[in-house]
Amino acid sequence: MSAPEKPDLEKRSAAERAAPASSRAADFGIDTTARTTGQAVAGYLRGLRTGELGALPALLGLLALLILFSALDSTGTFPSLLNIANLLQQGAGRTIIAMGLVFVLLTGEIDLAAGTASGLAAAVMALHLVSGGNLLGGMGTTVFVLFMLVIVLAIVLALLLRIWAGAALSAVALGLMVIGFPPNPWLQMLLAVCVGVVIGCITGFLVAKVGMPSFVVTLALFIAWQGIILALIGDGGTLGLRDPVINAVANGNLSTVGSWVLFVVAAGGYAAVLLNRQVSRRRLGLVAQPTGLVLIKVGAVVLLGAVATFLLTLDRSPGQLPIMGVPYVVPIVLALLVVGTFVLDRTRFGRHVYAVGGNREAARRAGIDVVRIRASVFVIASAFAAIGAIVYSSKVGSVSPGAGGGNTLLFAVGAAVIGGTSLFGGRGRISNAVIGGAVLATVENGLGLLRQPAAVVFVVTGLVLLLAASVDVLSRRRSAVAGR
């Protein structure tokens, strides 16, 4: 009778080997059913010494940068409410791209085409707006037909990979372009996201199914998408986004009432999730955090959220026209953060993503469809890139041939890595990209206010990224040594 059970035991052991260790930097994941809060804190500190740093270095770095730039800026512009709100709006686009790249990095892959993929999605959106809804006339017959064929190809590839959401959204893109629709900002933004999904389906198939290295595939597509953007916009051309809804995405603000409603929903939801999880796990006798630490965490988040909401609802305008309210980009980033965190932490798909990144072969032996998981993360990353493109295009008010190029990708990858996501796969969270994006936005904004040239900004940003990668390597080495 023991022989039939052996394969199941092997599968379970393989799955356990593939699963990553819990991030103690983000969660005191200790069996507190028999330990006090003090013992839990001591265990957390031991985790730090053994290399489980999580996002702690990035948080400390962000705090140091905020203090440093506030002290160096003699004009007082950096810590002003107007600049803080502007900082949130400036960095939101690349932060969203970085959030999508976390999925790819967790599997141990890289997507160098995320930047130009976002630019292509923005170009299609802008071209539809500028051409009055006539993409056939805006693109030209040849380019339009080829674009349709690429979308059909993406649908077929998504069906072969059994990525049903990717196939459905690619079909939506095909329908919107073939049937056509008059200028409508909501449908145009939907079209941009669907174009991003199309790109992700193609990238995922080449990497996961064909087996080509992600570095080579995405580098080639980086160049290819840049060429298509140039063909759509023209050398030296610019497509203006003169639509109030699209422009408000990165430049508008919630009302005072709306800002406080957002705070109540966000803070209340956060508190409800953590407290419900705590009660459920203790009732079932499972591993749980100390209740005191949970309450401290909830109280700190609620307090910080209330202070930030109060400050952002004050008038921060330097002129006569009042500017107040939480920027629209804040609820956008929060919504993506919640959805992404839920997918990675609370779904089977998320556990499989971590498993594939932790040990691909063990994940395959445990019965995980590794090909489908690896392809799916590229679809998600490209969809996030398209959303990020909507945000950063809204901020500048136009789309140029260089959209998504230059340092867009480098800053997005840097944001994910600086926040604590490992380049080696299997370790990281969506929140890491948000923290890393805040660090890079602070560096760029602070040095700009200090009137430092672009050369200094690039050098400092590069050094920050190098430091983050070094911390990742050293922490992994310490974790390996501690595990022996």
Protein backbone atom coordinates (compact mmCIF):
# COMPACT_ATOMS: atom_id res chain seq x y z
CA MET A 1 0.00 0.00 0.00
CA SER A 2 2.95 2.31 0.47
CA ALA A 3 4.09 2.16 -3.16
CA PRO A 4 1.22 4.28 -4.63
CA GLU A 5 1.85 7.01 -2.04
CA LYS A 6 5.50 7.45 -2.92
CA PRO A 7 5.02 9.75 -5.98
CA ASP A 8 2.80 12.10 -3.90
CA LEU A 9 5.46 12.34 -1.23
CA GLU A 10 8.06 13.08 -3.87
CA LYS A 11 5.84 15.78 -5.35
CA ARG A 12 5.28 17.40 -1.99
CA SER A 13 8.97 17.40 -1.16
CA ALA A 14 9.80 18.86 -4.56
CA ALA A 15 7.23 21.61 -4.11
CA GLU A 16 8.62 22.41 -0.68
CA ARG A 17 12.12 22.62 -2.10
CA ALA A 18 10.92 24.91 -4.89
CA ALA A 19 9.00 27.28 -2.62
CA PRO A 20 10.91 30.35 -1.38
CA ALA A 21 11.55 31.16 2.25
CA SER A 22 9.16 33.70 3.77
CA SER A 23 10.42 37.25 3.86
CA ARG A 24 11.00 38.01 7.52
CA ALA A 25 11.86 41.61 6.66
CA ALA A 26 8.25 42.15 5.57
CA ASP A 27 6.61 39.77 8.01
CA PHE A 28 7.60 38.38 11.43
CA GLY A 29 6.87 34.89 10.15
CA ILE A 30 7.62 33.08 13.41
CA ASP A 31 5.58 30.52 15.28
CA THR A 32 4.37 32.86 18.00
CA THR A 33 1.94 30.41 19.49
CA ALA A 34 4.68 29.64 22.03
CA ARG A 35 6.76 32.84 21.91
CA THR A 36 6.46 36.34 23.24
CA THR A 37 6.68 39.54 21.21
CA GLY A 38 10.23 40.06 22.43
CA GLN A 39 11.24 36.63 21.21
CA ALA A 40 9.61 37.31 17.85
CA VAL A 41 11.57 40.56 17.49
CA ALA A 42 14.76 38.73 18.41
CA GLY A 43 13.99 36.16 15.72
CA TYR A 44 13.45 38.96 13.20
CA LEU A 45 16.84 40.45 14.07
CA ARG A 46 18.45 37.04 13.65
CA GLY A 47 16.88 36.89 10.21
CA LEU A 48 18.48 40.22 9.31
CA ARG A 49 21.89 38.95 10.40
CA THR A 50 21.50 35.87 8.21
CA GLY A 51 20.71 37.91 5.11
CA GLU A 52 16.89 38.17 5.08
CA LEU A 53 16.91 41.93 4.55
CA GLY A 54 13.86 42.40 2.32
CA ALA A 55 13.08 46.06 1.64
CA LEU A 56 14.75 47.35 4.82
CA PRO A 57 17.88 48.79 3.07
CA ALA A 58 15.69 50.64 0.56
CA LEU A 59 13.45 52.06 3.29
CA LEU A 60 16.43 53.27 5.29
CA GLY A 61 17.97 54.71 2.12
CA LEU A 62 14.74 56.53 1.24
CA LEU A 63 14.56 58.04 4.72
CA ALA A 64 18.19 59.15 4.50
CA LEU A 65 17.62 60.74 1.07
CA LEU A 66 14.56 62.65 2.26
CA ILE A 67 16.50 64.05 5.22
CA LEU A 68 19.58 64.81 3.11
CA PHE A 69 17.79 66.69 0.31
CA SER A 70 15.62 68.59 2.77
CA ALA A 71 18.77 69.77 4.55
CA LEU A 72 20.69 70.64 1.37
CA ASP A 73 17.84 72.53 -0.32
CA SER A 74 18.21 76.02 1.12
CA THR A 75 15.12 77.28 -0.74
CA GLY A 76 12.83 74.81 1.05
CA THR A 77 11.36 73.60 -2.23
CA PHE A 78 12.12 69.89 -1.81
CA PRO A 79 10.05 69.27 1.37
CA SER A 80 7.20 71.50 0.16
CA LEU A 81 3.77 69.95 -0.40
CA LEU A 82 3.77 71.00 -4.05
CA ASN A 83 7.05 69.19 -4.70
CA ILE A 84 6.06 66.07 -2.78
CA ALA A 85 2.86 65.76 -4.85
CA ASN A 86 4.84 66.44 -8.02
CA LEU A 87 7.36 63.77 -7.00
CA LEU A 88 4.55 61.22 -6.69
CA GLN A 89 3.26 62.10 -10.15
CA GLN A 90 6.69 62.12 -11.80
CA GLY A 91 7.74 58.69 -10.60
CA ALA A 92 4.41 56.86 -10.93
CA GLY A 93 4.79 55.77 -14.56
CA ARG A 94 8.15 54.08 -14.18
CA THR A 95 7.12 52.65 -10.82
CA ILE A 96 4.16 50.89 -12.44
CA ILE A 97 6.46 49.44 -15.11
CA ALA A 98 8.75 48.24 -12.31
CA MET A 99 5.80 46.57 -10.56
CA GLY A 100 5.18 44.48 -13.66
CA LEU A 101 8.87 43.63 -13.99
CA VAL A 102 8.81 42.13 -10.49
CA PHE A 103 6.78 39.21 -11.88
CA VAL A 104 9.46 38.57 -14.52
CA LEU A 105 12.36 38.94 -12.10
CA LEU A 106 10.75 36.51 -9.65
CA THR A 107 11.09 33.75 -12.25
CA GLY A 108 14.75 34.57 -12.82
CA GLU A 109 14.13 36.20 -16.22
CA ILE A 110 14.57 39.76 -17.53
CA ASP A 111 12.46 41.89 -19.86
CA LEU A 112 14.57 44.50 -21.63
CA ALA A 113 11.68 45.33 -23.99
CA ALA A 114 9.32 46.59 -21.29
CA GLY A 115 10.30 50.20 -21.93
CA THR A 116 9.68 50.28 -25.68
CA ALA A 117 6.64 48.01 -25.25
CA SER A 118 5.16 50.76 -23.09
CA GLY A 119 6.14 53.32 -25.73
CA LEU A 120 4.40 51.33 -28.47
CA ALA A 121 1.21 51.06 -26.40
CA ALA A 122 1.30 54.81 -25.78
CA ALA A 123 1.93 55.51 -29.48
CA VAL A 124 -1.13 53.49 -30.55
CA MET A 125 -3.27 55.30 -27.98
CA ALA A 126 -2.02 58.72 -29.05
CA LEU A 127 -2.30 57.94 -32.75
CA HIS A 128 -5.93 56.95 -32.34
CA LEU A 129 -6.61 60.23 -30.54
CA VAL A 130 -4.78 62.41 -33.04
CA SER A 131 -6.28 60.66 -36.11
CA GLY A 132 -9.80 61.12 -34.80
CA GLY A 133 -10.32 57.38 -34.31
CA ASN A 134 -9.11 56.47 -37.82
CA LEU A 135 -6.15 54.16 -37.13
CA LEU A 136 -6.22 52.84 -40.70
CA GLY A 137 -5.60 56.33 -42.00
CA GLY A 138 -3.13 57.16 -39.25
CA MET A 139 -1.03 54.04 -39.70
CA GLY A 140 -1.39 53.50 -43.42
CA THR A 141 -2.83 50.37 -45.00
CA THR A 142 0.37 48.31 -44.98
CA VAL A 143 1.29 49.00 -41.35
CA PHE A 144 -2.32 48.55 -40.24
CA VAL A 145 -2.65 45.13 -41.89
CA LEU A 146 0.69 43.97 -40.49
CA PHE A 147 -0.35 45.16 -37.05
CA MET A 148 -3.58 43.14 -37.33
CA LEU A 149 -1.60 40.05 -38.30
CA VAL A 150 0.65 40.49 -35.26
CA ILE A 151 -2.42 40.66 -33.00
CA VAL A 152 -3.88 37.51 -34.59
CA LEU A 153 -0.53 35.78 -34.04
CA ALA A 154 -0.59 36.82 -30.39
CA ILE A 155 -4.07 35.37 -29.95
CA VAL A 156 -2.95 32.04 -31.44
CA LEU A 157 0.18 31.92 -29.26
CA ALA A 158 -1.80 32.75 -26.12
CA LEU A 159 -4.23 29.91 -26.89
CA LEU A 160 -1.33 27.50 -27.41
CA LEU A 161 0.11 28.54 -24.06
CA ARG A 162 -3.35 28.34 -22.45
CA ILE A 163 -3.13 31.94 -21.24
CA TRP A 164 -6.83 32.64 -21.60
CA ALA A 165 -6.77 36.21 -20.28
CA GLY A 166 -3.99 37.06 -22.73
CA ALA A 167 -5.98 35.61 -25.64
CA ALA A 168 -9.14 37.46 -24.56
CA LEU A 169 -7.47 40.87 -24.21
CA SER A 170 -5.59 40.39 -27.49
CA ALA A 171 -8.95 39.65 -29.13
CA VAL A 172 -10.32 42.87 -27.61
CA ALA A 173 -7.44 44.77 -29.22
CA LEU A 174 -8.24 43.15 -32.56
CA GLY A 175 -11.93 44.00 -32.25
CA LEU A 176 -11.28 47.62 -31.27
CA MET A 177 -8.95 48.16 -34.22
CA VAL A 178 -11.00 46.31 -36.84
CA ILE A 179 -14.42 47.64 -35.86
CA GLY A 180 -13.11 51.07 -34.94
CA PHE A 181 -14.53 53.59 -32.50
CA PRO A 182 -14.66 57.39 -32.26
CA PRO A 183 -12.18 59.13 -29.94
CA ASN A 184 -12.93 57.96 -26.42
CA PRO A 185 -10.26 58.24 -23.71
CA TRP A 186 -11.42 55.16 -21.79
CA LEU A 187 -11.47 52.92 -24.86
CA GLN A 188 -8.15 54.37 -26.00
CA MET A 189 -6.54 53.53 -22.67
CA LEU A 190 -8.08 50.04 -22.86
CA LEU A 191 -6.61 49.66 -26.35
CA ALA A 192 -3.17 50.62 -25.01
CA VAL A 193 -3.36 47.96 -22.28
CA CYS A 194 -4.50 45.34 -24.80
CA VAL A 195 -1.59 46.21 -27.09
CA GLY A 196 0.69 45.63 -24.11
CA VAL A 197 -0.87 42.20 -23.61
CA VAL A 198 -0.29 41.38 -27.29
CA ILE A 199 3.39 42.20 -26.88
CA GLY A 200 3.60 40.08 -23.72
CA CYS A 201 2.07 37.04 -25.44
CA ILE A 202 4.67 37.16 -28.20
CA THR A 203 7.55 37.68 -25.77
CA GLY A 204 6.36 34.94 -23.42
CA PHE A 205 6.01 32.40 -26.24
CA LEU A 206 9.52 33.02 -27.55
CA VAL A 207 11.08 32.75 -24.10
CA ALA A 208 9.03 30.00 -22.46
CA LYS A 209 7.91 27.80 -25.36
CA VAL A 210 10.67 28.24 -27.94
CA GLY A 211 13.30 28.36 -25.20
CA MET A 212 15.24 31.41 -26.34
CA PRO A 213 17.13 33.33 -23.62
CA SER A 214 15.02 36.18 -22.28
CA PHE A 215 17.95 38.58 -22.52
CA VAL A 216 18.34 37.99 -26.27
CA VAL A 217 14.61 37.95 -27.05
CA THR A 218 13.77 41.10 -25.16
CA LEU A 219 16.84 42.94 -26.44
CA ALA A 220 15.77 42.15 -30.01
CA LEU A 221 12.20 43.22 -29.31
CA PHE A 222 13.44 46.38 -27.61
CA ILE A 223 14.96 47.41 -30.93
CA ALA A 224 12.00 46.16 -32.99
CA TRP A 225 9.35 48.01 -30.98
CA GLN A 226 11.45 51.16 -31.13
CA GLY A 227 11.38 50.90 -34.91
CA ILE A 228 7.60 50.45 -34.98
CA ILE A 229 7.15 53.50 -32.74
CA LEU A 230 9.27 55.49 -35.16
CA ALA A 231 7.16 54.24 -38.07
CA LEU A 232 3.92 55.25 -36.34
CA ILE A 233 5.01 58.70 -35.18
CA GLY A 234 7.68 59.64 -37.71
CA ASP A 235 11.21 60.85 -37.18
CA GLY A 236 11.08 64.05 -35.16
CA GLY A 237 7.30 63.93 -34.80
CA THR A 238 5.21 64.21 -31.67
CA LEU A 239 1.65 63.11 -30.93
CA GLY A 240 -0.10 65.44 -28.51
CA LEU A 241 -2.53 64.12 -25.92
CA ARG A 242 -5.09 66.92 -25.84
CA ASP A 243 -7.76 65.09 -23.96
CA PRO A 244 -8.83 66.21 -20.46
CA VAL A 245 -9.39 62.68 -19.16
CA ILE A 246 -6.02 61.34 -20.30
CA ASN A 247 -4.23 64.48 -19.12
CA ALA A 248 -5.86 64.19 -15.70
CA VAL A 249 -4.49 60.68 -15.11
CA ALA A 250 -1.09 61.99 -13.98
CA ASN A 251 -1.91 65.65 -13.42
CA GLY A 252 -5.29 65.61 -11.70
CA ASN A 253 -6.21 65.28 -8.04
CA LEU A 254 -9.03 63.82 -6.02
CA SER A 255 -11.35 66.21 -4.21
CA THR A 256 -10.87 66.70 -0.48
CA VAL A 257 -13.80 64.40 0.25
CA GLY A 258 -12.53 61.86 -2.26
CA SER A 259 -9.08 61.95 -0.67
CA TRP A 260 -10.46 61.11 2.77
CA VAL A 261 -12.70 58.40 1.30
CA LEU A 262 -9.60 56.87 -0.27
CA PHE A 263 -7.85 56.97 3.11
CA VAL A 264 -10.76 55.30 4.90
CA VAL A 265 -11.05 52.56 2.26
CA ALA A 266 -7.30 51.93 2.04
CA ALA A 267 -6.52 52.09 5.76
CA GLY A 268 -9.69 50.24 6.74
CA GLY A 269 -9.06 47.53 4.18
CA TYR A 270 -5.45 47.12 5.29
CA ALA A 271 -6.47 46.87 8.96
CA ALA A 272 -9.31 44.45 8.19
CA VAL A 273 -7.08 42.12 6.16
CA LEU A 274 -4.31 41.96 8.76
CA LEU A 275 -6.61 41.59 11.75
CA ASN A 276 -8.80 38.99 10.03
CA ARG A 277 -5.71 37.01 9.07
CA GLN A 278 -4.42 37.20 12.63
CA VAL A 279 -7.70 36.02 14.17
CA SER A 280 -8.12 33.21 11.62
CA ARG A 281 -4.60 31.85 12.01
CA ARG A 282 -4.77 31.89 15.81
CA ARG A 283 -8.16 30.22 15.79
CA LEU A 284 -6.81 27.46 13.56
CA GLY A 285 -3.60 27.12 15.54
CA LEU A 286 -1.40 28.13 12.60
CA VAL A 287 1.77 30.21 12.55
CA ALA A 288 0.87 33.80 13.37
CA GLN A 289 2.53 37.10 14.16
CA PRO A 290 2.40 38.44 17.71
CA THR A 291 -0.87 40.33 18.08
CA GLY A 292 0.93 43.32 19.58
CA LEU A 293 3.14 43.66 16.53
CA VAL A 294 0.12 43.41 14.23
CA LEU A 295 -1.60 46.23 16.09
CA ILE A 296 1.57 48.36 15.98
CA LYS A 297 1.87 47.79 12.24
CA VAL A 298 -1.77 48.69 11.61
CA GLY A 299 -1.56 51.76 13.84
CA ALA A 300 1.60 53.01 12.13
CA VAL A 301 0.13 52.63 8.64
CA VAL A 302 -3.14 54.30 9.61
CA LEU A 303 -1.30 57.20 11.28
CA LEU A 304 1.04 57.77 8.34
CA GLY A 305 -1.87 57.56 5.90
CA ALA A 306 -3.90 60.07 7.88
CA VAL A 307 -1.01 62.55 8.08
CA ALA A 308 -0.25 62.21 4.36
CA THR A 309 -3.92 62.66 3.42
CA PHE A 310 -4.27 65.70 5.65
CA LEU A 311 -1.18 67.36 4.14
CA LEU A 312 -2.17 66.62 0.56
CA THR A 313 -5.65 68.08 1.08
CA LEU A 314 -4.11 71.45 2.00
CA ASP A 315 -3.77 74.10 -0.71
CA ARG A 316 -0.27 73.69 -2.18
CA SER A 317 -0.60 76.13 -5.07
CA PRO A 318 2.05 78.88 -5.38
CA GLY A 319 -0.46 81.02 -7.29
CA GLN A 320 -4.11 82.01 -7.17
CA LEU A 321 -5.60 78.77 -8.53
CA PRO A 322 -5.95 76.31 -5.63
CA ILE A 323 -4.34 72.87 -5.91
CA MET A 324 -5.35 70.33 -3.31
CA GLY A 325 -6.22 66.67 -2.98
CA VAL A 326 -4.44 63.36 -3.36
CA PRO A 327 -3.08 62.90 -6.92
CA TYR A 328 -4.95 60.38 -9.06
CA VAL A 329 -1.76 58.33 -9.48
CA VAL A 330 -1.88 57.37 -5.80
CA PRO A 331 -5.09 55.28 -6.00
CA ILE A 332 -3.90 53.87 -9.34
CA VAL A 333 -0.63 52.63 -7.83
CA LEU A 334 -2.41 51.43 -4.68
CA ALA A 335 -4.94 49.44 -6.72
CA LEU A 336 -2.20 47.76 -8.76
CA LEU A 337 -0.23 47.10 -5.57
CA VAL A 338 -3.20 45.43 -3.89
CA VAL A 339 -4.05 43.30 -6.93
CA GLY A 340 -0.44 42.32 -7.57
CA THR A 341 0.20 41.46 -3.92
CA PHE A 342 -2.98 39.40 -3.75
CA VAL A 343 -2.01 37.46 -6.88
CA LEU A 344 1.47 36.66 -5.59
CA ASP A 345 0.58 35.97 -1.96
CA ARG A 346 -2.91 34.48 -2.09
CA THR A 347 -3.27 32.54 -5.33
CA ARG A 348 -1.89 29.27 -6.66
CA PHE A 349 -0.48 31.15 -9.63
CA GLY A 350 1.55 33.38 -7.30
CA ARG A 351 2.95 30.42 -5.38
CA HIS A 352 3.92 28.82 -8.68
CA VAL A 353 5.73 32.00 -9.75
CA TYR A 354 7.87 31.88 -6.60
CA ALA A 355 8.42 28.16 -7.02
CA VAL A 356 9.63 28.52 -10.61
CA GLY A 357 12.00 31.29 -9.59
CA GLY A 358 13.26 29.37 -6.56
CA ASN A 359 14.00 26.09 -8.37
CA ARG A 360 12.68 25.58 -11.88
CA GLU A 361 13.43 21.88 -12.10
CA ALA A 362 11.90 21.12 -8.73
CA ALA A 363 8.82 23.09 -9.74
CA ARG A 364 8.50 21.05 -12.93
CA ARG A 365 8.78 17.79 -11.00
CA ALA A 366 6.11 19.02 -8.59
CA GLY A 367 3.68 19.20 -11.51
CA ILE A 368 3.79 22.96 -12.13
CA ASP A 369 3.32 24.06 -15.75
CA VAL A 370 6.61 25.95 -15.90
CA VAL A 371 6.18 27.02 -19.53
CA ARG A 372 2.80 28.61 -18.86
CA ILE A 373 4.03 30.38 -15.71
CA ARG A 374 7.13 31.77 -17.44
CA ALA A 375 5.07 33.01 -20.38
CA SER A 376 2.36 34.51 -18.18
CA VAL A 377 4.74 36.77 -16.28
CA PHE A 378 5.76 38.48 -19.52
CA VAL A 379 2.11 39.11 -20.35
CA ILE A 380 1.59 40.68 -16.93
CA ALA A 381 4.77 42.76 -17.22
CA SER A 382 3.77 44.14 -20.62
CA ALA A 383 0.26 44.97 -19.39
CA PHE A 384 1.75 46.88 -16.45
CA ALA A 385 4.14 48.58 -18.87
CA ALA A 386 1.18 49.80 -20.93
CA ILE A 387 -0.50 51.21 -17.82
CA GLY A 388 2.75 52.90 -16.89
CA ALA A 389 2.90 54.36 -20.40
CA ILE A 390 -0.54 55.91 -19.98
CA VAL A 391 0.62 57.56 -16.76
CA TYR A 392 3.95 58.95 -17.95
CA SER A 393 2.48 60.05 -21.31
CA SER A 394 -0.26 61.86 -19.41
CA LYS A 395 2.36 63.62 -17.33
CA VAL A 396 4.27 65.03 -20.33
CA GLY A 397 1.13 65.48 -22.47
CA SER A 398 2.54 63.87 -25.61
CA VAL A 399 4.16 60.78 -27.12
CA SER A 400 7.43 61.07 -29.04
CA PRO A 401 9.51 58.54 -31.02
CA GLY A 402 11.71 58.13 -27.94
CA ALA A 403 8.78 57.06 -25.73
CA GLY A 404 9.80 54.19 -23.48
CA GLY A 405 13.40 54.38 -24.62
CA GLY A 406 16.37 56.03 -22.99
CA ASN A 407 16.49 55.39 -19.27
CA THR A 408 12.85 54.34 -18.84
CA LEU A 409 13.63 50.63 -18.69
CA LEU A 410 16.83 51.11 -16.68
CA PHE A 411 14.99 53.11 -14.05
CA ALA A 412 12.17 50.54 -13.93
CA VAL A 413 14.51 47.60 -13.45
CA GLY A 414 16.52 49.66 -10.99
CA ALA A 415 13.40 50.44 -8.98
CA ALA A 416 12.52 46.76 -8.59
CA VAL A 417 16.07 45.76 -7.62
CA ILE A 418 16.69 48.70 -5.30
CA GLY A 419 13.45 47.91 -3.50
CA GLY A 420 14.67 44.40 -2.67
CA THR A 421 13.61 42.14 -5.56
CA SER A 422 16.34 39.65 -6.36
CA LEU A 423 17.81 39.45 -9.86
CA PHE A 424 18.32 35.72 -9.29
CA GLY A 425 14.62 34.93 -8.93
CA GLY A 426 12.45 33.55 -6.17
CA ARG A 427 12.57 36.55 -3.84
CA GLY A 428 10.73 39.85 -4.00
CA ARG A 429 7.38 41.57 -3.66
CA ILE A 430 5.36 44.11 -5.62
CA SER A 431 5.87 46.62 -2.82
CA ASN A 432 9.62 46.45 -3.49
CA ALA A 433 9.07 48.20 -6.82
CA VAL A 434 7.05 50.97 -5.16
CA ILE A 435 9.76 51.58 -2.56
CA GLY A 436 12.53 51.45 -5.16
CA GLY A 437 10.58 53.78 -7.44
CA ALA A 438 10.28 56.25 -4.58
CA VAL A 439 14.04 56.09 -4.02
CA LEU A 440 14.87 56.79 -7.68
CA ALA A 441 12.25 59.53 -7.99
CA THR A 442 13.67 61.17 -4.86
CA VAL A 443 17.22 61.05 -6.22
CA GLU A 444 16.19 62.51 -9.58
CA ASN A 445 13.96 65.18 -8.05
CA GLY A 446 16.39 66.17 -5.28
CA LEU A 447 19.41 66.47 -7.54
CA GLY A 448 17.37 68.44 -10.04
CA LEU A 449 16.34 70.96 -7.39
CA LEU A 450 20.00 71.26 -6.38
CA ARG A 451 20.69 72.17 -10.03
CA GLN A 452 22.96 69.19 -10.62
CA PRO A 453 23.61 68.27 -14.27
CA ALA A 454 22.18 65.14 -15.85
CA ALA A 455 25.62 63.52 -15.67
CA VAL A 456 25.57 63.65 -11.88
CA VAL A 457 22.01 62.26 -11.78
CA PHE A 458 23.02 59.28 -13.93
CA VAL A 459 26.17 58.58 -11.92
CA VAL A 460 24.38 58.72 -8.58
CA THR A 461 21.49 56.58 -9.84
CA GLY A 462 23.96 54.01 -11.20
CA LEU A 463 25.81 53.87 -7.90
CA VAL A 464 22.55 53.40 -6.00
CA LEU A 465 21.61 50.50 -8.30
CA LEU A 466 25.08 48.97 -7.94
CA LEU A 467 24.79 49.20 -4.17
CA ALA A 468 21.37 47.51 -4.23
CA ALA A 469 22.66 44.67 -6.42
CA SER A 470 25.63 44.22 -4.09
CA VAL A 471 23.32 44.01 -1.08
CA ASP A 472 21.27 41.36 -2.91
CA VAL A 473 24.33 39.23 -3.66
CA LEU A 474 25.75 39.54 -0.15
CA SER A 475 22.42 38.78 1.52
CA ARG A 476 21.98 35.66 -0.62
CA ARG A 477 25.49 34.56 0.27
CA ARG A 478 24.84 35.03 3.97
CA SER A 479 21.54 33.16 3.67
CA ALA A 480 23.33 30.25 1.98
CA VAL A 481 25.99 30.15 4.69
CA ALA A 482 23.38 30.32 7.47
CA GLY A 483 21.41 27.50 5.87
CA ARG A 484 24.32 25.05 5.97
